[in-house]
Amino acid sequence: MLRGLATVVPYQIVSLFKWTDLRDKVCGRVQIDLKLLESQTLIAGFHKNGKKINRNSRHIKFFWQMMENMSNEERSKLLFFVWGRTRLPANK
């Protein structure tokens, strides 16, 4: 595995990272940062009455409250369901 990684990143640079930092850079963060996720979430659509849906819409607030009450494992499963990945990217 190290040889394969070295084809992308030189050995000298790999040794500068702790294994957890390297894992997060390659695979994404294990812990799901809800503030980050919420800030990167695009909310679009309209209510039946024609009003635009936004972050202050009741069901959107309910969704984020539900996310706060979930375990990290449950958040990962939801992310996988809606996005096909269990972790957030490391570059934000």
PDB file of N, CA and C in Angstrom:
ATOM      1  N   MET A   1       0.818  -1.180   0.000  1.00  0.00           N
ATOM      2  CA  MET A   1       0.000   0.000   0.000  1.00  0.00           C
ATOM      3  C   MET A   1       0.870   1.255   0.000  1.00  0.00           C
ATOM      4  N   LEU A   2       1.943   1.221   0.766  1.00  0.00           N
ATOM      5  CA  LEU A   2       2.837   2.372   0.827  1.00  0.00           C
ATOM      6  C   LEU A   2       3.464   2.638  -0.541  1.00  0.00           C
ATOM      7  N   ARG A   3       3.808   1.576  -1.256  1.00  0.00           N
ATOM      8  CA  ARG A   3       4.389   1.743  -2.585  1.00  0.00           C
ATOM      9  C   ARG A   3       3.399   2.402  -3.539  1.00  0.00           C
ATOM     10  N   GLY A   4       2.138   1.989  -3.453  1.00  0.00           N
ATOM     11  CA  GLY A   4       1.109   2.595  -4.292  1.00  0.00           C
ATOM     12  C   GLY A   4       0.893   4.059  -3.947  1.00  0.00           C
ATOM     13  N   LEU A   5       0.879   4.362  -2.652  1.00  0.00           N
ATOM     14  CA  LEU A   5       0.722   5.747  -2.215  1.00  0.00           C
ATOM     15  C   LEU A   5       1.913   6.585  -2.659  1.00  0.00           C
ATOM     16  N   ALA A   6       3.094   5.993  -2.657  1.00  0.00           N
ATOM     17  CA  ALA A   6       4.306   6.715  -3.047  1.00  0.00           C
ATOM     18  C   ALA A   6       4.312   7.086  -4.532  1.00  0.00           C
ATOM     19  N   THR A   7       3.481   6.440  -5.332  1.00  0.00           N
ATOM     20  CA  THR A   7       3.392   6.837  -6.734  1.00  0.00           C
ATOM     21  C   THR A   7       2.670   8.180  -6.884  1.00  0.00           C
ATOM     22  N   VAL A   8       1.925   8.556  -5.859  1.00  0.00           N
ATOM     23  CA  VAL A   8       1.192   9.823  -5.867  1.00  0.00           C
ATOM     24  C   VAL A   8       1.859  10.861  -4.962  1.00  0.00           C
ATOM     25  N   VAL A   9       2.307  10.412  -3.802  1.00  0.00           N
ATOM     26  CA  VAL A   9       2.922  11.302  -2.806  1.00  0.00           C
ATOM     27  C   VAL A   9       4.306  10.747  -2.453  1.00  0.00           C
ATOM     28  N   PRO A  10       5.360  11.541  -2.563  1.00  0.00           N
ATOM     29  CA  PRO A  10       6.706  11.055  -2.227  1.00  0.00           C
ATOM     30  C   PRO A  10       6.801  10.564  -0.779  1.00  0.00           C
ATOM     31  N   TYR A  11       7.628   9.512  -0.568  1.00  0.00           N
ATOM     32  CA  TYR A  11       7.831   8.942   0.770  1.00  0.00           C
ATOM     33  C   TYR A  11       8.179  10.013   1.806  1.00  0.00           C
ATOM     34  N   GLN A  12       9.021  10.963   1.426  1.00  0.00           N
ATOM     35  CA  GLN A  12       9.474  11.976   2.365  1.00  0.00           C
ATOM     36  C   GLN A  12       8.309  12.804   2.911  1.00  0.00           C
ATOM     37  N   ILE A  13       7.334  13.071   2.082  1.00  0.00           N
ATOM     38  CA  ILE A  13       6.182  13.861   2.529  1.00  0.00           C
ATOM     39  C   ILE A  13       5.251  13.013   3.389  1.00  0.00           C
ATOM     40  N   VAL A  14       5.070  11.747   3.040  1.00  0.00           N
ATOM     41  CA  VAL A  14       4.205  10.850   3.808  1.00  0.00           C
ATOM     42  C   VAL A  14       4.675  10.770   5.256  1.00  0.00           C
ATOM     43  N   SER A  15       5.969  10.746   5.452  1.00  0.00           N
ATOM     44  CA  SER A  15       6.496  10.613   6.818  1.00  0.00           C
ATOM     45  C   SER A  15       6.240  11.848   7.678  1.00  0.00           C
ATOM     46  N   LEU A  16       5.833  12.964   7.081  1.00  0.00           N
ATOM     47  CA  LEU A  16       5.539  14.171   7.852  1.00  0.00           C
ATOM     48  C   LEU A  16       4.162  14.128   8.514  1.00  0.00           C
ATOM     49  N   PHE A  17       3.290  13.249   8.040  1.00  0.00           N
ATOM     50  CA  PHE A  17       1.929  13.165   8.565  1.00  0.00           C
ATOM     51  C   PHE A  17       1.807  12.093   9.635  1.00  0.00           C
ATOM     52  N   LYS A  18       0.934  12.327  10.615  1.00  0.00           N
ATOM     53  CA  LYS A  18       0.515  11.250  11.511  1.00  0.00           C
ATOM     54  C   LYS A  18      -0.435  10.375  10.702  1.00  0.00           C
ATOM     55  N   TRP A  19      -0.577   9.114  11.070  1.00  0.00           N
ATOM     56  CA  TRP A  19      -1.413   8.213  10.285  1.00  0.00           C
ATOM     57  C   TRP A  19      -2.858   8.689  10.240  1.00  0.00           C
ATOM     58  N   THR A  20      -3.341   9.307  11.316  1.00  0.00           N
ATOM     59  CA  THR A  20      -4.723   9.789  11.320  1.00  0.00           C
ATOM     60  C   THR A  20      -4.909  10.954  10.350  1.00  0.00           C
ATOM     61  N   ASP A  21      -3.912  11.834  10.264  1.00  0.00           N
ATOM     62  CA  ASP A  21      -3.985  12.954   9.315  1.00  0.00           C
ATOM     63  C   ASP A  21      -3.966  12.453   7.877  1.00  0.00           C
ATOM     64  N   LEU A  22      -3.109  11.492   7.620  1.00  0.00           N
ATOM     65  CA  LEU A  22      -3.020  10.915   6.275  1.00  0.00           C
ATOM     66  C   LEU A  22      -4.325  10.219   5.896  1.00  0.00           C
ATOM     67  N   ARG A  23      -4.885   9.483   6.839  1.00  0.00           N
ATOM     68  CA  ARG A  23      -6.176   8.814   6.597  1.00  0.00           C
ATOM     69  C   ARG A  23      -7.258   9.841   6.250  1.00  0.00           C
ATOM     70  N   ASP A  24      -7.304  10.924   7.020  1.00  0.00           N
ATOM     71  CA  ASP A  24      -8.316  11.949   6.774  1.00  0.00           C
ATOM     72  C   ASP A  24      -8.115  12.642   5.434  1.00  0.00           C
ATOM     73  N   LYS A  25      -6.863  12.861   5.036  1.00  0.00           N
ATOM     74  CA  LYS A  25      -6.584  13.489   3.740  1.00  0.00           C
ATOM     75  C   LYS A  25      -7.003  12.589   2.578  1.00  0.00           C
ATOM     76  N   VAL A  26      -6.789  11.287   2.730  1.00  0.00           N
ATOM     77  CA  VAL A  26      -7.083  10.342   1.655  1.00  0.00           C
ATOM     78  C   VAL A  26      -8.567   9.942   1.641  1.00  0.00           C
ATOM     79  N   CYS A  27      -9.119   9.656   2.812  1.00  0.00           N
ATOM     80  CA  CYS A  27     -10.475   9.094   2.891  1.00  0.00           C
ATOM     81  C   CYS A  27     -11.549  10.076   3.338  1.00  0.00           C
ATOM     82  N   GLY A  28     -11.164  11.215   3.857  1.00  0.00           N
ATOM     83  CA  GLY A  28     -12.126  12.156   4.418  1.00  0.00           C
ATOM     84  C   GLY A  28     -12.165  12.027   5.929  1.00  0.00           C
ATOM     85  N   ARG A  29     -12.824  12.975   6.548  1.00  0.00           N
ATOM     86  CA  ARG A  29     -12.895  12.990   8.014  1.00  0.00           C
ATOM     87  C   ARG A  29     -13.826  11.899   8.530  1.00  0.00           C
ATOM     88  N   VAL A  30     -13.404  11.227   9.601  1.00  0.00           N
ATOM     89  CA  VAL A  30     -14.234  10.196  10.213  1.00  0.00           C
ATOM     90  C   VAL A  30     -15.408  10.850  10.936  1.00  0.00           C
ATOM     91  N   GLN A  31     -15.119  11.902  11.694  1.00  0.00           N
ATOM     92  CA  GLN A  31     -16.146  12.628  12.437  1.00  0.00           C
ATOM     93  C   GLN A  31     -16.856  13.595  11.490  1.00  0.00           C
ATOM     94  N   ILE A  32     -18.168  13.526  11.429  1.00  0.00           N
ATOM     95  CA  ILE A  32     -18.930  14.381  10.530  1.00  0.00           C
ATOM     96  C   ILE A  32     -19.225  15.702  11.217  1.00  0.00           C
ATOM     97  N   ASP A  33     -18.695  16.760  10.667  1.00  0.00           N
ATOM     98  CA  ASP A  33     -18.869  18.107  11.187  1.00  0.00           C
ATOM     99  C   ASP A  33     -20.193  18.668  10.651  1.00  0.00           C
ATOM    100  N   LEU A  34     -21.203  18.740  11.520  1.00  0.00           N
ATOM    101  CA  LEU A  34     -22.526  19.189  11.072  1.00  0.00           C
ATOM    102  C   LEU A  34     -22.536  20.630  10.609  1.00  0.00           C
ATOM    103  N   LYS A  35     -21.753  21.488  11.245  1.00  0.00           N
ATOM    104  CA  LYS A  35     -21.694  22.896  10.834  1.00  0.00           C
ATOM    105  C   LYS A  35     -21.152  22.987   9.398  1.00  0.00           C
ATOM    106  N   LEU A  36     -20.114  22.210   9.125  1.00  0.00           N
ATOM    107  CA  LEU A  36     -19.549  22.180   7.775  1.00  0.00           C
ATOM    108  C   LEU A  36     -20.563  21.626   6.774  1.00  0.00           C
ATOM    109  N   LEU A  37     -21.191  20.526   7.133  1.00  0.00           N
ATOM    110  CA  LEU A  37     -22.178  19.914   6.247  1.00  0.00           C
ATOM    111  C   LEU A  37     -23.328  20.878   5.963  1.00  0.00           C
ATOM    112  N   GLU A  38     -23.811  21.528   6.998  1.00  0.00           N
ATOM    113  CA  GLU A  38     -24.917  22.479   6.817  1.00  0.00           C
ATOM    114  C   GLU A  38     -24.500  23.665   5.952  1.00  0.00           C
ATOM    115  N   SER A  39     -23.280  24.144   6.149  1.00  0.00           N
ATOM    116  CA  SER A  39     -22.820  25.298   5.367  1.00  0.00           C
ATOM    117  C   SER A  39     -22.639  24.961   3.888  1.00  0.00           C
ATOM    118  N   GLN A  40     -22.404  23.693   3.576  1.00  0.00           N
ATOM    119  CA  GLN A  40     -22.188  23.278   2.192  1.00  0.00           C
ATOM    120  C   GLN A  40     -23.450  22.704   1.543  1.00  0.00           C
ATOM    121  N   THR A  41     -24.549  22.667   2.282  1.00  0.00           N
ATOM    122  CA  THR A  41     -25.792  22.086   1.775  1.00  0.00           C
ATOM    123  C   THR A  41     -26.591  23.124   0.995  1.00  0.00           C
ATOM    124  N   LEU A  42     -26.962  22.757  -0.205  1.00  0.00           N
ATOM    125  CA  LEU A  42     -27.777  23.614  -1.059  1.00  0.00           C
ATOM    126  C   LEU A  42     -29.250  23.294  -0.803  1.00  0.00           C
ATOM    127  N   ILE A  43     -30.006  24.314  -0.443  1.00  0.00           N
ATOM    128  CA  ILE A  43     -31.434  24.138  -0.175  1.00  0.00           C
ATOM    129  C   ILE A  43     -32.205  24.856  -1.278  1.00  0.00           C
ATOM    130  N   ALA A  44     -33.053  24.105  -1.976  1.00  0.00           N
ATOM    131  CA  ALA A  44     -33.809  24.684  -3.089  1.00  0.00           C
ATOM    132  C   ALA A  44     -35.193  24.059  -3.137  1.00  0.00           C
ATOM    133  N   GLY A  45     -36.131  24.830  -3.593  1.00  0.00           N
ATOM    134  CA  GLY A  45     -37.487  24.312  -3.757  1.00  0.00           C
ATOM    135  C   GLY A  45     -38.514  25.314  -3.272  1.00  0.00           C
ATOM    136  N   PHE A  46     -39.777  24.910  -3.390  1.00  0.00           N
ATOM    137  CA  PHE A  46     -40.877  25.791  -3.022  1.00  0.00           C
ATOM    138  C   PHE A  46     -41.911  25.027  -2.204  1.00  0.00           C
ATOM    139  N   HIS A  47     -42.535  25.718  -1.262  1.00  0.00           N
ATOM    140  CA  HIS A  47     -43.657  25.167  -0.518  1.00  0.00           C
ATOM    141  C   HIS A  47     -44.866  25.105  -1.448  1.00  0.00           C
ATOM    142  N   LYS A  48     -45.900  24.393  -1.027  1.00  0.00           N
ATOM    143  CA  LYS A  48     -47.135  24.311  -1.835  1.00  0.00           C
ATOM    144  C   LYS A  48     -47.757  25.685  -2.059  1.00  0.00           C
ATOM    145  N   ASN A  49     -47.549  26.584  -1.090  1.00  0.00           N
ATOM    146  CA  ASN A  49     -48.136  27.933  -1.218  1.00  0.00           C
ATOM    147  C   ASN A  49     -47.301  28.855  -2.099  1.00  0.00           C
ATOM    148  N   GLY A  50     -46.222  28.332  -2.665  1.00  0.00           N
ATOM    149  CA  GLY A  50     -45.395  29.119  -3.573  1.00  0.00           C
ATOM    150  C   GLY A  50     -44.214  29.819  -2.922  1.00  0.00           C
ATOM    151  N   LYS A  51     -44.131  29.788  -1.569  1.00  0.00           N
ATOM    152  CA  LYS A  51     -43.002  30.421  -0.893  1.00  0.00           C
ATOM    153  C   LYS A  51     -41.750  29.569  -1.073  1.00  0.00           C
ATOM    154  N   LYS A  52     -40.624  30.235  -1.220  1.00  0.00           N
ATOM    155  CA  LYS A  52     -39.352  29.544  -1.407  1.00  0.00           C
ATOM    156  C   LYS A  52     -38.911  28.873  -0.099  1.00  0.00           C
ATOM    157  N   ILE A  53     -38.386  27.657  -0.203  1.00  0.00           N
ATOM    158  CA  ILE A  53     -37.846  26.938   0.954  1.00  0.00           C
ATOM    159  C   ILE A  53     -36.463  27.499   1.254  1.00  0.00           C
ATOM    160  N   ASN A  54     -36.173  27.719   2.539  1.00  0.00           N
ATOM    161  CA  ASN A  54     -34.855  28.207   2.946  1.00  0.00           C
ATOM    162  C   ASN A  54     -34.443  27.575   4.265  1.00  0.00           C
ATOM    163  N   ARG A  55     -33.320  27.981   4.797  1.00  0.00           N
ATOM    164  CA  ARG A  55     -32.793  27.392   6.040  1.00  0.00           C
ATOM    165  C   ARG A  55     -33.714  27.604   7.237  1.00  0.00           C
ATOM    166  N   ASN A  56     -34.602  28.572   7.157  1.00  0.00           N
ATOM    167  CA  ASN A  56     -35.528  28.840   8.249  1.00  0.00           C
ATOM    168  C   ASN A  56     -36.860  28.116   8.109  1.00  0.00           C
ATOM    169  N   SER A  57     -37.021  27.355   7.032  1.00  0.00           N
ATOM    170  CA  SER A  57     -38.252  26.575   6.866  1.00  0.00           C
ATOM    171  C   SER A  57     -38.328  25.521   7.964  1.00  0.00           C
ATOM    172  N   ARG A  58     -39.529  25.295   8.450  1.00  0.00           N
ATOM    173  CA  ARG A  58     -39.723  24.410   9.609  1.00  0.00           C
ATOM    174  C   ARG A  58     -39.139  23.010   9.383  1.00  0.00           C
ATOM    175  N   HIS A  59     -39.388  22.413   8.234  1.00  0.00           N
ATOM    176  CA  HIS A  59     -38.902  21.048   8.001  1.00  0.00           C
ATOM    177  C   HIS A  59     -37.379  21.005   7.822  1.00  0.00           C
ATOM    178  N   ILE A  60     -36.781  22.092   7.359  1.00  0.00           N
ATOM    179  CA  ILE A  60     -35.319  22.137   7.246  1.00  0.00           C
ATOM    180  C   ILE A  60     -34.703  22.221   8.648  1.00  0.00           C
ATOM    181  N   LYS A  61     -35.270  23.049   9.507  1.00  0.00           N
ATOM    182  CA  LYS A  61     -34.799  23.134  10.902  1.00  0.00           C
ATOM    183  C   LYS A  61     -34.960  21.787  11.605  1.00  0.00           C
ATOM    184  N   PHE A  62     -36.093  21.126  11.352  1.00  0.00           N
ATOM    185  CA  PHE A  62     -36.332  19.808  11.946  1.00  0.00           C
ATOM    186  C   PHE A  62     -35.268  18.806  11.477  1.00  0.00           C
ATOM    187  N   PHE A  63     -34.942  18.854  10.195  1.00  0.00           N
ATOM    188  CA  PHE A  63     -33.913  17.950   9.659  1.00  0.00           C
ATOM    189  C   PHE A  63     -32.592  18.124  10.390  1.00  0.00           C
ATOM    190  N   TRP A  64     -32.132  19.384  10.590  1.00  0.00           N
ATOM    191  CA  TRP A  64     -30.843  19.611  11.251  1.00  0.00           C
ATOM    192  C   TRP A  64     -30.901  19.255  12.737  1.00  0.00           C
ATOM    193  N   GLN A  65     -32.059  19.416  13.371  1.00  0.00           N
ATOM    194  CA  GLN A  65     -32.204  18.968  14.755  1.00  0.00           C
ATOM    195  C   GLN A  65     -32.086  17.453  14.822  1.00  0.00           C
ATOM    196  N   MET A  66     -32.696  16.775  13.857  1.00  0.00           N
ATOM    197  CA  MET A  66     -32.604  15.319  13.799  1.00  0.00           C
ATOM    198  C   MET A  66     -31.146  14.888  13.609  1.00  0.00           C
ATOM    199  N   MET A  67     -30.432  15.582  12.732  1.00  0.00           N
ATOM    200  CA  MET A  67     -29.024  15.254  12.484  1.00  0.00           C
ATOM    201  C   MET A  67     -28.183  15.427  13.752  1.00  0.00           C
ATOM    202  N   GLU A  68     -28.466  16.462  14.537  1.00  0.00           N
ATOM    203  CA  GLU A  68     -27.729  16.687  15.784  1.00  0.00           C
ATOM    204  C   GLU A  68     -27.941  15.547  16.770  1.00  0.00           C
ATOM    205  N   ASN A  69     -29.119  14.947  16.749  1.00  0.00           N
ATOM    206  CA  ASN A  69     -29.438  13.868  17.687  1.00  0.00           C
ATOM    207  C   ASN A  69     -28.924  12.508  17.236  1.00  0.00           C
ATOM    208  N   MET A  70     -28.443  12.417  16.016  1.00  0.00           N
ATOM    209  CA  MET A  70     -27.914  11.144  15.494  1.00  0.00           C
ATOM    210  C   MET A  70     -26.493  10.899  15.988  1.00  0.00           C
ATOM    211  N   SER A  71     -26.133   9.633  16.058  1.00  0.00           N
ATOM    212  CA  SER A  71     -24.732   9.280  16.323  1.00  0.00           C
ATOM    213  C   SER A  71     -23.937   9.513  15.044  1.00  0.00           C
ATOM    214  N   ASN A  72     -22.627   9.550  15.158  1.00  0.00           N
ATOM    215  CA  ASN A  72     -21.786   9.728  13.973  1.00  0.00           C
ATOM    216  C   ASN A  72     -21.988   8.585  12.985  1.00  0.00           C
ATOM    217  N   GLU A  73     -22.195   7.372  13.504  1.00  0.00           N
ATOM    218  CA  GLU A  73     -22.423   6.212  12.638  1.00  0.00           C
ATOM    219  C   GLU A  73     -23.731   6.378  11.848  1.00  0.00           C
ATOM    220  N   GLU A  74     -24.772   6.870  12.507  1.00  0.00           N
ATOM    221  CA  GLU A  74     -26.043   7.095  11.812  1.00  0.00           C
ATOM    222  C   GLU A  74     -25.900   8.192  10.758  1.00  0.00           C
ATOM    223  N   ARG A  75     -25.150   9.233  11.089  1.00  0.00           N
ATOM    224  CA  ARG A  75     -24.906  10.304  10.106  1.00  0.00           C
ATOM    225  C   ARG A  75     -24.181   9.748   8.888  1.00  0.00           C
ATOM    226  N   SER A  76     -23.197   8.883   9.130  1.00  0.00           N
ATOM    227  CA  SER A  76     -22.447   8.261   8.030  1.00  0.00           C
ATOM    228  C   SER A  76     -23.372   7.455   7.128  1.00  0.00           C
ATOM    229  N   LYS A  77     -24.278   6.712   7.734  1.00  0.00           N
ATOM    230  CA  LYS A  77     -25.221   5.913   6.949  1.00  0.00           C
ATOM    231  C   LYS A  77     -26.146   6.800   6.119  1.00  0.00           C
ATOM    232  N   LEU A  78     -26.611   7.902   6.704  1.00  0.00           N
ATOM    233  CA  LEU A  78     -27.451   8.827   5.954  1.00  0.00           C
ATOM    234  C   LEU A  78     -26.672   9.464   4.805  1.00  0.00           C
ATOM    235  N   LEU A  79     -25.428   9.871   5.080  1.00  0.00           N
ATOM    236  CA  LEU A  79     -24.584  10.426   4.017  1.00  0.00           C
ATOM    237  C   LEU A  79     -24.421   9.430   2.879  1.00  0.00           C
ATOM    238  N   PHE A  80     -24.194   8.166   3.233  1.00  0.00           N
ATOM    239  CA  PHE A  80     -24.034   7.143   2.205  1.00  0.00           C
ATOM    240  C   PHE A  80     -25.318   6.988   1.383  1.00  0.00           C
ATOM    241  N   PHE A  81     -26.461   7.056   2.042  1.00  0.00           N
ATOM    242  CA  PHE A  81     -27.746   6.923   1.357  1.00  0.00           C
ATOM    243  C   PHE A  81     -27.971   8.057   0.354  1.00  0.00           C
ATOM    244  N   VAL A  82     -27.660   9.285   0.756  1.00  0.00           N
ATOM    245  CA  VAL A  82     -27.958  10.421  -0.120  1.00  0.00           C
ATOM    246  C   VAL A  82     -26.815  10.809  -1.050  1.00  0.00           C
ATOM    247  N   TRP A  83     -25.579  10.397  -0.729  1.00  0.00           N
ATOM    248  CA  TRP A  83     -24.423  10.883  -1.475  1.00  0.00           C
ATOM    249  C   TRP A  83     -23.523   9.772  -2.005  1.00  0.00           C
ATOM    250  N   GLY A  84     -23.639   8.561  -1.441  1.00  0.00           N
ATOM    251  CA  GLY A  84     -22.806   7.451  -1.876  1.00  0.00           C
ATOM    252  C   GLY A  84     -21.435   7.417  -1.214  1.00  0.00           C
ATOM    253  N   ARG A  85     -21.225   8.260  -0.193  1.00  0.00           N
ATOM    254  CA  ARG A  85     -19.975   8.286   0.566  1.00  0.00           C
ATOM    255  C   ARG A  85     -20.326   8.360   2.043  1.00  0.00           C
ATOM    256  N   THR A  86     -19.462   7.816   2.883  1.00  0.00           N
ATOM    257  CA  THR A  86     -19.735   7.825   4.321  1.00  0.00           C
ATOM    258  C   THR A  86     -19.018   8.936   5.066  1.00  0.00           C
ATOM    259  N   ARG A  87     -18.166   9.674   4.359  1.00  0.00           N
ATOM    260  CA  ARG A  87     -17.390  10.730   5.006  1.00  0.00           C
ATOM    261  C   ARG A  87     -17.451  12.015   4.188  1.00  0.00           C
ATOM    262  N   LEU A  88     -17.220  13.118   4.886  1.00  0.00           N
ATOM    263  CA  LEU A  88     -17.109  14.415   4.201  1.00  0.00           C
ATOM    264  C   LEU A  88     -15.709  14.560   3.624  1.00  0.00           C
ATOM    265  N   PRO A  89     -15.561  15.281   2.536  1.00  0.00           N
ATOM    266  CA  PRO A  89     -14.221  15.517   1.981  1.00  0.00           C
ATOM    267  C   PRO A  89     -13.332  16.248   2.993  1.00  0.00           C
ATOM    268  N   ALA A  90     -12.043  16.046   2.887  1.00  0.00           N
ATOM    269  CA  ALA A  90     -11.089  16.662   3.817  1.00  0.00           C
ATOM    270  C   ALA A  90     -10.685  18.057   3.393  1.00  0.00           C
ATOM    271  N   ASN A  91     -11.072  18.489   2.210  1.00  0.00           N
ATOM    272  CA  ASN A  91     -10.553  19.766   1.689  1.00  0.00           C
ATOM    273  C   ASN A  91     -11.388  20.971   2.053  1.00  0.00           C
ATOM    274  N   LYS A  92     -12.369  20.881   2.913  1.00  0.00           N
ATOM    275  CA  LYS A  92     -13.144  22.056   3.340  1.00  0.00           C
ATOM    276  C   LYS A  92     -12.988  22.246   4.818  1.00  0.00           C
TER     277      LYS A  92
END
